[in-house]
C-alpha atoms as a PDB file:
ATOM      1  CA  UNK A   1     139.233-131.836  54.295  1.00  0.00           C
ATOM      2  CA  UNK A   2     142.253-130.460  52.298  1.00  0.00           C
ATOM      3  CA  UNK A   3     142.649-126.735  51.605  1.00  0.00           C
ATOM      4  CA  UNK A   4     143.853-125.288  48.533  1.00  0.00           C
ATOM      5  CA  UNK A   5     146.332-122.567  48.424  1.00  0.00           C
ATOM      6  CA  UNK A   6     145.179-119.024  47.901  1.00  0.00           C
ATOM      7  CA  UNK A   7     146.527-117.579  44.523  1.00  0.00           C
ATOM      8  CA  UNK A   8     148.770-114.540  44.798  1.00  0.00           C
ATOM      9  CA  UNK A   9     147.417-111.791  42.500  1.00  0.00           C
ATOM     10  CA  UNK A  10     149.832-108.704  41.700  1.00  0.00           C
ATOM     11  CA  UNK A  11     148.377-105.591  40.174  1.00  0.00           C
ATOM     12  CA  UNK A  12     150.779-103.104  38.844  1.00  0.00           C
ATOM     13  CA  UNK A  13     149.904 -99.513  38.241  1.00  0.00           C
ATOM     14  CA  UNK A  14     149.974 -98.221  34.675  1.00  0.00           C
ATOM     15  CA  UNK A  15     153.233 -96.393  34.007  1.00  0.00           C
ATOM     16  CA  UNK A  16     153.082 -92.652  33.502  1.00  0.00           C
ATOM     17  CA  UNK A  17     153.401 -91.852  29.794  1.00  0.00           C
ATOM     18  CA  UNK A  18     153.053 -88.129  29.919  1.00  0.00           C
ATOM     19  CA  UNK A  19     153.297 -85.159  32.513  1.00  0.00           C
ATOM     20  CA  UNK A  20     151.561 -82.055  31.391  1.00  0.00           C
ATOM     21  CA  UNK A  21     152.079 -78.699  33.533  1.00  0.00           C
ATOM     22  CA  UNK A  22     149.861 -75.721  33.509  1.00  0.00           C
ATOM     23  CA  UNK A  23     151.663 -73.061  31.413  1.00  0.00           C
ATOM     24  CA  UNK A  24     152.966 -70.219  33.658  1.00  0.00           C
ATOM     25  CA  UNK A  25     152.609 -66.579  32.420  1.00  0.00           C
ATOM     26  CA  UNK A  26     155.823 -65.238  31.325  1.00  0.00           C
ATOM     27  CA  UNK A  27     157.841 -63.146  31.781  1.00  0.00           C
ATOM     28  CA  UNK A  28     157.468 -62.981  35.388  1.00  0.00           C
ATOM     29  CA  UNK A  29     158.220 -60.051  37.627  1.00  0.00           C
ATOM     30  CA  UNK A  30     160.629 -60.374  40.600  1.00  0.00           C
ATOM     31  CA  UNK A  31     158.878 -61.293  43.660  1.00  0.00           C
ATOM     32  CA  UNK A  32     155.933 -62.587  41.583  1.00  0.00           C
ATOM     33  CA  UNK A  33     154.505 -66.055  42.352  1.00  0.00           C
ATOM     34  CA  UNK A  34     152.374 -68.581  39.922  1.00  0.00           C
ATOM     35  CA  UNK A  35     150.888 -71.792  40.647  1.00  0.00           C
ATOM     36  CA  UNK A  36     151.571 -74.739  38.562  1.00  0.00           C
ATOM     37  CA  UNK A  37     149.636 -77.907  38.304  1.00  0.00           C
ATOM     38  CA  UNK A  38     150.841 -81.406  36.910  1.00  0.00           C
ATOM     39  CA  UNK A  39     148.506 -83.713  35.205  1.00  0.00           C
ATOM     40  CA  UNK A  40     149.771 -87.401  34.726  1.00  0.00           C
ATOM     41  CA  UNK A  41     148.413 -89.815  32.161  1.00  0.00           C
ATOM     42  CA  UNK A  42     149.036 -93.249  30.969  1.00  0.00           C
ATOM     43  CA  UNK A  43     149.628 -94.363  27.332  1.00  0.00           C
ATOM     44  CA  UNK A  44     145.814 -94.661  26.771  1.00  0.00           C
ATOM     45  CA  UNK A  45     145.355 -90.842  27.768  1.00  0.00           C
ATOM     46  CA  UNK A  46     143.615 -91.854  31.063  1.00  0.00           C
ATOM     47  CA  UNK A  47     144.533 -89.551  34.135  1.00  0.00           C
ATOM     48  CA  UNK A  48     146.484 -91.191  36.736  1.00  0.00           C
ATOM     49  CA  UNK A  49     146.326 -90.424  40.485  1.00  0.00           C
ATOM     50  CA  UNK A  50     148.419 -91.407  43.502  1.00  0.00           C
ATOM     51  CA  UNK A  51     151.701 -90.619  41.642  1.00  0.00           C
ATOM     52  CA  UNK A  52     154.667 -88.971  43.223  1.00  0.00           C
ATOM     53  CA  UNK A  53     155.511 -85.697  41.307  1.00  0.00           C
ATOM     54  CA  UNK A  54     158.884 -84.077  41.868  1.00  0.00           C
ATOM     55  CA  UNK A  55     159.351 -80.271  41.090  1.00  0.00           C
ATOM     56  CA  UNK A  56     162.767 -78.826  40.457  1.00  0.00           C
ATOM     57  CA  UNK A  57     164.031 -75.423  39.440  1.00  0.00           C
ATOM     58  CA  UNK A  58     167.170 -75.503  37.017  1.00  0.00           C
ATOM     59  CA  UNK A  59     168.383 -72.179  38.545  1.00  0.00           C
ATOM     60  CA  UNK A  60     167.295 -71.459  42.068  1.00  0.00           C
ATOM     61  CA  UNK A  61     168.972 -68.105  42.023  1.00  0.00           C
ATOM     62  CA  UNK A  62     166.380 -67.064  39.506  1.00  0.00           C
ATOM     63  CA  UNK A  63     163.183 -69.294  40.292  1.00  0.00           C
ATOM     64  CA  UNK A  64     162.368 -71.143  43.330  1.00  0.00           C
ATOM     65  CA  UNK A  65     159.721 -74.127  43.586  1.00  0.00           C
ATOM     66  CA  UNK A  66     157.542 -74.781  46.529  1.00  0.00           C
ATOM     67  CA  UNK A  67     155.697 -78.034  45.856  1.00  0.00           C
ATOM     68  CA  UNK A  68     153.406 -80.470  47.313  1.00  0.00           C
ATOM     69  CA  UNK A  69     152.280 -83.341  45.214  1.00  0.00           C
ATOM     70  CA  UNK A  70     150.469 -82.284  42.060  1.00  0.00           C
ATOM     71  CA  UNK A  71     150.745 -78.559  42.789  1.00  0.00           C
ATOM     72  CA  UNK A  72     153.720 -76.255  42.956  1.00  0.00           C
ATOM     73  CA  UNK A  73     154.103 -72.515  43.433  1.00  0.00           C
ATOM     74  CA  UNK A  74     157.001 -70.763  41.547  1.00  0.00           C
ATOM     75  CA  UNK A  75     158.489 -67.557  42.888  1.00  0.00           C
ATOM     76  CA  UNK A  76     160.735 -65.242  40.677  1.00  0.00           C
ATOM     77  CA  UNK A  77     163.822 -64.366  42.577  1.00  0.00           C
ATOM     78  CA  UNK A  78     166.041 -62.612  40.310  1.00  0.00           C
ATOM     79  CA  UNK A  79     166.074 -61.560  36.653  1.00  0.00           C
ATOM     80  CA  UNK A  80     167.184 -64.402  34.222  1.00  0.00           C
ATOM     81  CA  UNK A  81     166.105 -67.464  32.378  1.00  0.00           C
ATOM     82  CA  UNK A  82     164.843 -70.532  34.205  1.00  0.00           C
ATOM     83  CA  UNK A  83     163.186 -73.942  33.740  1.00  0.00           C
ATOM     84  CA  UNK A  84     160.987 -75.486  36.198  1.00  0.00           C
ATOM     85  CA  UNK A  85     161.115 -79.401  35.837  1.00  0.00           C
ATOM     86  CA  UNK A  86     158.809 -81.999  37.136  1.00  0.00           C
ATOM     87  CA  UNK A  87     159.088 -85.684  36.952  1.00  0.00           C
ATOM     88  CA  UNK A  88     156.477 -88.252  37.928  1.00  0.00           C
ATOM     89  CA  UNK A  89     156.842 -91.683  39.381  1.00  0.00           C
ATOM     90  CA  UNK A  90     154.336 -94.697  39.681  1.00  0.00           C
END
């Protein structure tokens, strides 16, 4: 009796096409915090889960970010302009 080899099947996750972040209320007051949530979608507009979302502040002297996965909390540290950024990976 001979055995046939088991075929290898590779399944790749769909790439992230868009990342939408809940809009913060602006302006924020110094010391104030706001929650943000990221939603990742593929090119067919399907929600994607299990992706790594990285949150960054373009100016941590003005806005800090405390993040875990798809959610983050931003805190206004000082008066100024800021931009929070997010990036998702499959």
